[in-house]
N, C-alpha and C. Protein backbone atom coordinates (compact mmCIF):
# COMPACT_ATOMS: atom_id res chain seq x y z
N MET A 1 -10.80 9.15 3.66
CA MET A 1 -9.55 9.85 3.88
C MET A 1 -9.51 10.32 5.33
N ALA A 2 -8.35 10.29 5.91
CA ALA A 2 -8.18 10.66 7.31
C ALA A 2 -8.39 12.16 7.49
N ALA A 3 -8.95 12.53 8.64
CA ALA A 3 -9.18 13.94 8.94
C ALA A 3 -7.86 14.64 9.13
N GLN A 4 -7.75 15.84 8.63
CA GLN A 4 -6.55 16.65 8.80
C GLN A 4 -6.80 17.63 9.93
N PHE A 5 -5.83 17.77 10.79
CA PHE A 5 -5.94 18.68 11.91
C PHE A 5 -4.91 19.78 11.75
N SER A 6 -5.14 20.90 12.42
CA SER A 6 -4.18 22.00 12.38
C SER A 6 -2.99 21.67 13.28
N ASN A 7 -1.89 22.42 13.09
CA ASN A 7 -0.72 22.21 13.95
C ASN A 7 -1.05 22.48 15.41
N GLU A 8 -1.93 23.45 15.65
CA GLU A 8 -2.35 23.76 17.03
C GLU A 8 -3.06 22.55 17.64
N GLU A 9 -3.95 21.91 16.86
CA GLU A 9 -4.66 20.74 17.37
C GLU A 9 -3.70 19.58 17.61
N TYR A 10 -2.77 19.37 16.67
CA TYR A 10 -1.78 18.31 16.86
C TYR A 10 -0.93 18.56 18.11
N THR A 11 -0.55 19.82 18.33
CA THR A 11 0.24 20.16 19.51
C THR A 11 -0.54 19.84 20.78
N ASP A 12 -1.80 20.21 20.80
CA ASP A 12 -2.63 19.92 21.97
C ASP A 12 -2.79 18.41 22.17
N MET A 13 -2.87 17.65 21.07
CA MET A 13 -2.97 16.19 21.19
C MET A 13 -1.71 15.63 21.85
N ILE A 14 -0.56 16.14 21.43
CA ILE A 14 0.71 15.68 21.99
C ILE A 14 0.78 16.01 23.49
N LEU A 15 0.38 17.23 23.85
CA LEU A 15 0.42 17.64 25.25
C LEU A 15 -0.53 16.80 26.10
N VAL A 16 -1.73 16.56 25.60
CA VAL A 16 -2.71 15.75 26.34
C VAL A 16 -2.22 14.31 26.46
N CYS A 17 -1.63 13.80 25.39
CA CYS A 17 -1.12 12.43 25.42
C CYS A 17 0.02 12.31 26.44
N GLY A 18 0.86 13.33 26.54
CA GLY A 18 1.91 13.34 27.55
C GLY A 18 1.34 13.41 28.95
N PHE A 19 0.30 14.23 29.12
CA PHE A 19 -0.37 14.35 30.41
C PHE A 19 -0.95 13.00 30.84
N CYS A 20 -1.45 12.24 29.85
CA CYS A 20 -2.06 10.94 30.14
C CYS A 20 -1.04 9.80 30.09
N GLU A 21 0.23 10.15 30.07
CA GLU A 21 1.33 9.19 30.09
C GLU A 21 1.25 8.18 28.95
N GLY A 22 0.84 8.64 27.75
CA GLY A 22 0.83 7.80 26.57
C GLY A 22 -0.40 6.94 26.40
N ASN A 23 -1.36 7.00 27.31
CA ASN A 23 -2.59 6.22 27.19
C ASN A 23 -3.50 6.92 26.18
N ALA A 24 -3.61 6.36 24.97
CA ALA A 24 -4.33 7.01 23.88
C ALA A 24 -5.84 7.10 24.15
N ARG A 25 -6.42 6.07 24.72
CA ARG A 25 -7.87 6.10 24.97
C ARG A 25 -8.23 7.12 26.05
N LEU A 26 -7.41 7.20 27.08
CA LEU A 26 -7.62 8.22 28.10
C LEU A 26 -7.39 9.61 27.50
N SER A 27 -6.42 9.72 26.60
CA SER A 27 -6.14 11.00 25.93
C SER A 27 -7.34 11.52 25.17
N VAL A 28 -8.08 10.62 24.54
CA VAL A 28 -9.29 11.03 23.80
C VAL A 28 -10.30 11.65 24.75
N ARG A 29 -10.52 11.02 25.90
CA ARG A 29 -11.48 11.54 26.87
C ARG A 29 -11.04 12.89 27.43
N VAL A 30 -9.77 13.02 27.80
CA VAL A 30 -9.25 14.27 28.36
C VAL A 30 -9.28 15.37 27.30
N TYR A 31 -8.91 15.04 26.07
CA TYR A 31 -8.92 16.02 24.98
C TYR A 31 -10.34 16.54 24.76
N GLY A 32 -11.31 15.62 24.78
CA GLY A 32 -12.71 16.02 24.61
C GLY A 32 -13.21 16.92 25.73
N GLU A 33 -12.73 16.69 26.96
CA GLU A 33 -13.11 17.53 28.10
C GLU A 33 -12.47 18.91 28.01
N ARG A 34 -11.20 18.95 27.61
CA ARG A 34 -10.49 20.23 27.54
C ARG A 34 -10.89 21.07 26.33
N PHE A 35 -11.24 20.42 25.23
CA PHE A 35 -11.58 21.14 24.00
C PHE A 35 -12.92 20.65 23.47
N PRO A 36 -14.02 21.04 24.14
CA PRO A 36 -15.34 20.51 23.76
C PRO A 36 -15.83 21.01 22.39
N ASN A 37 -15.30 22.12 21.88
CA ASN A 37 -15.78 22.67 20.62
C ASN A 37 -14.97 22.19 19.40
N ARG A 38 -14.04 21.28 19.61
CA ARG A 38 -13.22 20.77 18.51
C ARG A 38 -13.67 19.37 18.10
N ARG A 39 -13.23 18.98 16.90
CA ARG A 39 -13.46 17.60 16.47
C ARG A 39 -12.72 16.67 17.42
N LEU A 40 -13.34 15.57 17.74
CA LEU A 40 -12.72 14.62 18.66
C LEU A 40 -12.00 13.55 17.84
N PRO A 41 -10.67 13.53 17.89
CA PRO A 41 -9.93 12.53 17.11
C PRO A 41 -10.05 11.14 17.73
N ASN A 42 -9.81 10.14 16.92
CA ASN A 42 -9.82 8.76 17.34
C ASN A 42 -8.56 8.48 18.16
N HIS A 43 -8.57 7.43 18.96
CA HIS A 43 -7.38 7.10 19.76
C HIS A 43 -6.19 6.74 18.87
N THR A 44 -6.45 6.19 17.69
CA THR A 44 -5.35 5.86 16.79
C THR A 44 -4.68 7.11 16.23
N THR A 45 -5.43 8.21 16.17
CA THR A 45 -4.84 9.47 15.72
C THR A 45 -3.78 9.93 16.71
N PHE A 46 -4.06 9.78 17.98
CA PHE A 46 -3.09 10.16 19.01
C PHE A 46 -1.80 9.35 18.87
N THR A 47 -1.92 8.05 18.76
CA THR A 47 -0.72 7.22 18.64
C THR A 47 0.03 7.50 17.34
N ALA A 48 -0.71 7.75 16.26
CA ALA A 48 -0.07 8.03 14.97
C ALA A 48 0.70 9.35 15.01
N VAL A 49 0.11 10.37 15.64
CA VAL A 49 0.77 11.67 15.72
C VAL A 49 2.03 11.58 16.57
N VAL A 50 1.96 10.89 17.69
CA VAL A 50 3.14 10.74 18.55
C VAL A 50 4.23 9.98 17.80
N ARG A 51 3.87 8.88 17.15
CA ARG A 51 4.84 8.08 16.40
C ARG A 51 5.46 8.90 15.27
N ARG A 52 4.62 9.59 14.49
CA ARG A 52 5.10 10.38 13.36
C ARG A 52 6.02 11.51 13.83
N LEU A 53 5.66 12.18 14.92
CA LEU A 53 6.50 13.25 15.46
C LEU A 53 7.84 12.69 15.93
N HIS A 54 7.80 11.53 16.55
CA HIS A 54 9.03 10.89 17.03
C HIS A 54 9.92 10.47 15.86
N GLU A 55 9.32 9.89 14.80
CA GLU A 55 10.10 9.35 13.68
C GLU A 55 10.55 10.42 12.69
N THR A 56 9.68 11.39 12.39
CA THR A 56 9.98 12.34 11.31
C THR A 56 10.17 13.77 11.77
N GLY A 57 9.71 14.07 12.99
CA GLY A 57 9.79 15.46 13.46
C GLY A 57 8.68 16.32 12.90
N ARG A 58 7.65 15.71 12.32
CA ARG A 58 6.53 16.45 11.72
C ARG A 58 5.22 15.96 12.35
N PHE A 59 4.26 16.88 12.41
CA PHE A 59 2.93 16.48 12.87
C PHE A 59 2.19 15.74 11.76
N ALA A 60 2.12 16.34 10.58
CA ALA A 60 1.33 15.80 9.49
C ALA A 60 2.17 14.82 8.66
N ALA A 61 1.49 13.89 8.02
CA ALA A 61 2.17 12.93 7.17
C ALA A 61 2.63 13.60 5.89
N ARG A 62 3.77 13.14 5.37
CA ARG A 62 4.25 13.66 4.09
C ARG A 62 3.43 13.03 2.98
N THR A 63 2.94 13.83 2.07
CA THR A 63 2.14 13.29 0.98
C THR A 63 2.70 13.66 -0.39
N ALA A 64 3.70 14.51 -0.45
CA ALA A 64 4.19 14.99 -1.73
C ALA A 64 5.05 13.97 -2.46
N ASP A 65 5.93 13.26 -1.77
CA ASP A 65 6.87 12.37 -2.44
C ASP A 65 7.01 11.09 -1.63
N TYR A 66 6.72 9.98 -2.26
CA TYR A 66 6.85 8.71 -1.59
C TYR A 66 8.08 7.94 -2.04
N GLY A 67 9.02 8.63 -2.68
CA GLY A 67 10.27 8.00 -3.04
C GLY A 67 10.34 7.42 -4.43
N ARG A 68 9.24 7.42 -5.16
CA ARG A 68 9.23 6.86 -6.50
C ARG A 68 9.81 7.87 -7.46
N ASN A 69 10.62 7.42 -8.41
CA ASN A 69 11.18 8.31 -9.40
C ASN A 69 10.09 8.80 -10.35
N ARG A 70 9.87 10.09 -10.40
CA ARG A 70 8.80 10.64 -11.21
C ARG A 70 9.22 10.91 -12.65
N PHE A 71 10.52 10.86 -12.93
CA PHE A 71 10.98 11.18 -14.26
C PHE A 71 10.85 10.01 -15.23
N VAL A 72 10.55 8.83 -14.74
CA VAL A 72 10.40 7.66 -15.60
C VAL A 72 9.02 7.74 -16.27
N THR A 73 8.99 7.57 -17.58
CA THR A 73 7.71 7.64 -18.29
C THR A 73 7.03 6.29 -18.29
N ALA A 74 5.74 6.32 -18.53
CA ALA A 74 4.96 5.08 -18.55
C ALA A 74 5.44 4.16 -19.68
N ALA A 75 5.86 4.75 -20.80
CA ALA A 75 6.34 3.94 -21.92
C ALA A 75 7.59 3.15 -21.53
N ASP A 76 8.51 3.80 -20.80
CA ASP A 76 9.71 3.10 -20.34
C ASP A 76 9.36 1.95 -19.41
N VAL A 77 8.43 2.19 -18.52
CA VAL A 77 8.01 1.17 -17.56
C VAL A 77 7.35 0.01 -18.30
N GLU A 78 6.49 0.33 -19.27
CA GLU A 78 5.81 -0.72 -20.02
C GLU A 78 6.79 -1.56 -20.81
N GLU A 79 7.77 -0.92 -21.43
CA GLU A 79 8.78 -1.65 -22.19
C GLU A 79 9.53 -2.64 -21.30
N GLU A 80 9.98 -2.16 -20.15
CA GLU A 80 10.72 -3.03 -19.23
C GLU A 80 9.83 -4.16 -18.74
N MET A 81 8.58 -3.85 -18.43
CA MET A 81 7.64 -4.85 -17.94
C MET A 81 7.42 -5.93 -18.99
N LEU A 82 7.19 -5.53 -20.24
CA LEU A 82 6.95 -6.51 -21.30
C LEU A 82 8.19 -7.35 -21.59
N ALA A 83 9.37 -6.74 -21.44
CA ALA A 83 10.60 -7.49 -21.63
C ALA A 83 10.75 -8.55 -20.54
N ARG A 84 10.39 -8.22 -19.31
CA ARG A 84 10.46 -9.19 -18.22
C ARG A 84 9.48 -10.34 -18.43
N VAL A 85 8.28 -10.01 -18.91
CA VAL A 85 7.28 -11.05 -19.14
C VAL A 85 7.71 -11.94 -20.30
N GLU A 86 8.32 -11.35 -21.33
CA GLU A 86 8.79 -12.15 -22.45
C GLU A 86 9.92 -13.08 -22.02
N ALA A 87 10.80 -12.59 -21.16
CA ALA A 87 11.91 -13.42 -20.67
C ALA A 87 11.43 -14.54 -19.76
N ASP A 88 10.42 -14.26 -18.94
CA ASP A 88 9.90 -15.27 -18.02
C ASP A 88 8.38 -15.12 -17.92
N PRO A 89 7.62 -15.84 -18.78
CA PRO A 89 6.16 -15.67 -18.80
C PRO A 89 5.46 -16.11 -17.51
N GLU A 90 6.17 -16.81 -16.62
CA GLU A 90 5.54 -17.29 -15.39
C GLU A 90 5.66 -16.30 -14.24
N LEU A 91 6.24 -15.12 -14.48
CA LEU A 91 6.33 -14.11 -13.43
C LEU A 91 4.94 -13.63 -13.04
N SER A 92 4.74 -13.43 -11.76
CA SER A 92 3.44 -12.94 -11.28
C SER A 92 3.39 -11.43 -11.38
N THR A 93 2.17 -10.90 -11.43
CA THR A 93 2.01 -9.45 -11.48
C THR A 93 2.52 -8.81 -10.20
N ARG A 94 2.38 -9.51 -9.08
CA ARG A 94 2.88 -8.97 -7.80
C ARG A 94 4.40 -8.89 -7.80
N ARG A 95 5.06 -9.93 -8.30
CA ARG A 95 6.51 -9.94 -8.31
C ARG A 95 7.04 -8.84 -9.24
N ILE A 96 6.45 -8.72 -10.43
CA ILE A 96 6.88 -7.67 -11.36
C ILE A 96 6.69 -6.31 -10.72
N GLY A 97 5.53 -6.09 -10.12
CA GLY A 97 5.25 -4.81 -9.46
C GLY A 97 6.22 -4.51 -8.34
N ALA A 98 6.52 -5.51 -7.53
CA ALA A 98 7.43 -5.30 -6.40
C ALA A 98 8.85 -5.00 -6.89
N GLU A 99 9.30 -5.74 -7.91
CA GLU A 99 10.65 -5.54 -8.42
C GLU A 99 10.81 -4.19 -9.12
N MET A 100 9.73 -3.73 -9.78
CA MET A 100 9.82 -2.47 -10.52
C MET A 100 9.29 -1.29 -9.72
N GLU A 101 8.82 -1.55 -8.50
CA GLU A 101 8.26 -0.51 -7.62
C GLU A 101 7.06 0.19 -8.26
N ILE A 102 6.16 -0.61 -8.82
CA ILE A 102 4.90 -0.11 -9.37
C ILE A 102 3.79 -1.01 -8.84
N SER A 103 2.55 -0.60 -9.01
CA SER A 103 1.45 -1.39 -8.46
C SER A 103 1.18 -2.61 -9.33
N LYS A 104 0.76 -3.68 -8.68
CA LYS A 104 0.41 -4.90 -9.42
C LYS A 104 -0.79 -4.66 -10.33
N ASP A 105 -1.65 -3.73 -9.93
CA ASP A 105 -2.80 -3.41 -10.77
C ASP A 105 -2.36 -2.76 -12.08
N PHE A 106 -1.34 -1.89 -12.02
CA PHE A 106 -0.81 -1.27 -13.24
C PHE A 106 -0.21 -2.35 -14.14
N VAL A 107 0.50 -3.31 -13.54
CA VAL A 107 1.08 -4.41 -14.32
C VAL A 107 -0.03 -5.20 -14.99
N HIS A 108 -1.05 -5.57 -14.22
CA HIS A 108 -2.16 -6.36 -14.75
C HIS A 108 -2.88 -5.61 -15.87
N ARG A 109 -3.14 -4.33 -15.66
CA ARG A 109 -3.83 -3.51 -16.67
C ARG A 109 -3.01 -3.43 -17.96
N THR A 110 -1.71 -3.24 -17.83
CA THR A 110 -0.84 -3.14 -19.00
C THR A 110 -0.79 -4.46 -19.76
N LEU A 111 -0.69 -5.57 -19.04
CA LEU A 111 -0.69 -6.87 -19.71
C LEU A 111 -2.01 -7.11 -20.44
N LYS A 112 -3.09 -6.70 -19.83
CA LYS A 112 -4.40 -6.86 -20.46
C LYS A 112 -4.51 -6.03 -21.74
N GLU A 113 -3.98 -4.79 -21.70
CA GLU A 113 -4.00 -3.92 -22.89
C GLU A 113 -3.19 -4.54 -24.02
N GLN A 114 -2.13 -5.27 -23.69
CA GLN A 114 -1.27 -5.91 -24.69
C GLN A 114 -1.80 -7.31 -25.07
N LEU A 115 -3.00 -7.63 -24.60
CA LEU A 115 -3.65 -8.92 -24.84
C LEU A 115 -2.82 -10.09 -24.31
N LEU A 116 -2.14 -9.85 -23.20
CA LEU A 116 -1.40 -10.89 -22.50
C LEU A 116 -2.13 -11.20 -21.20
N HIS A 117 -1.88 -12.37 -20.67
CA HIS A 117 -2.55 -12.78 -19.44
C HIS A 117 -1.51 -13.27 -18.44
N PRO A 118 -1.67 -12.91 -17.16
CA PRO A 118 -0.76 -13.44 -16.16
C PRO A 118 -0.90 -14.96 -16.14
N TYR A 119 0.21 -15.63 -16.08
CA TYR A 119 0.19 -17.08 -16.18
C TYR A 119 0.93 -17.70 -15.01
N HIS A 120 0.30 -18.67 -14.39
CA HIS A 120 0.94 -19.44 -13.33
C HIS A 120 0.68 -20.91 -13.63
N LYS A 121 1.75 -21.63 -13.84
CA LYS A 121 1.61 -23.06 -14.09
C LYS A 121 1.38 -23.77 -12.77
N THR A 122 0.33 -24.57 -12.72
CA THR A 122 0.02 -25.31 -11.50
C THR A 122 -0.13 -26.79 -11.85
N PRO A 123 -0.02 -27.67 -10.88
CA PRO A 123 -0.16 -29.10 -11.16
C PRO A 123 -1.50 -29.46 -11.79
N VAL A 124 -2.56 -28.72 -11.52
CA VAL A 124 -3.86 -29.00 -12.11
C VAL A 124 -3.78 -28.82 -13.62
N GLN A 125 -3.06 -27.81 -14.08
CA GLN A 125 -2.92 -27.60 -15.51
C GLN A 125 -2.11 -28.72 -16.15
N ASP A 126 -1.19 -29.32 -15.43
CA ASP A 126 -0.41 -30.44 -15.95
C ASP A 126 -1.32 -31.62 -16.29
N LEU A 127 -2.37 -31.82 -15.53
CA LEU A 127 -3.29 -32.92 -15.80
C LEU A 127 -3.96 -32.76 -17.15
N LEU A 128 -4.27 -31.56 -17.53
CA LEU A 128 -4.96 -31.31 -18.79
C LEU A 128 -4.02 -31.39 -19.99
N ILE A 129 -2.74 -31.29 -19.79
CA ILE A 129 -1.78 -31.27 -20.88
C ILE A 129 -1.33 -32.68 -21.27
N GLN A 130 -1.59 -33.67 -20.47
CA GLN A 130 -1.10 -35.03 -20.72
C GLN A 130 -1.67 -35.61 -22.01
N ASP A 131 -1.06 -36.67 -22.44
CA ASP A 131 -1.45 -37.38 -23.67
C ASP A 131 -2.89 -37.91 -23.53
N PRO A 132 -3.73 -37.68 -24.58
CA PRO A 132 -5.13 -38.13 -24.47
C PRO A 132 -5.27 -39.62 -24.26
N GLY A 133 -4.30 -40.45 -24.72
CA GLY A 133 -4.38 -41.88 -24.53
C GLY A 133 -3.99 -42.33 -23.14
N SER A 134 -3.46 -41.43 -22.35
CA SER A 134 -3.01 -41.77 -21.01
C SER A 134 -4.19 -42.00 -20.09
N PRO A 135 -4.12 -42.99 -19.20
CA PRO A 135 -5.23 -43.26 -18.29
C PRO A 135 -5.47 -42.13 -17.28
N LYS A 136 -4.46 -41.26 -17.03
CA LYS A 136 -4.60 -40.20 -16.03
C LYS A 136 -5.26 -38.95 -16.62
N SER A 137 -5.35 -38.85 -17.94
CA SER A 137 -5.86 -37.60 -18.53
C SER A 137 -7.34 -37.45 -18.29
N LEU A 138 -7.78 -36.22 -18.27
CA LEU A 138 -9.20 -35.92 -18.09
C LEU A 138 -9.85 -35.83 -19.46
N GLN A 139 -10.93 -36.49 -19.67
CA GLN A 139 -11.61 -36.48 -20.97
C GLN A 139 -12.83 -35.61 -20.92
């Protein structure tokens, strides 16, 4: 997990980064010289703080809400997911997850609990399905 800094430390990072004209690696060295008793942040921390302050007006990242609807229950999600799989068994766990805004791991875990398996038809599987008398079939 990324180190959390105080607003005072973030402010000093912004000031040092401005002093160094946006050069993050130089900012790390100058910050370390000016504040020897503090934790020394990585150069990516400087660029992330500047970007985040520019985009959101906040020093720290928002962690409380990532935009997902919290009022939807797992049962509702599972029902919709199983209905999608029943309608199209060739859907991938990634596609279902992306369309429903849930993780592909949750989709995979739910399918496994329901004794279902993600299925992708590929040309290799077509070879095994052919007529046993056919010269192309694998014996």
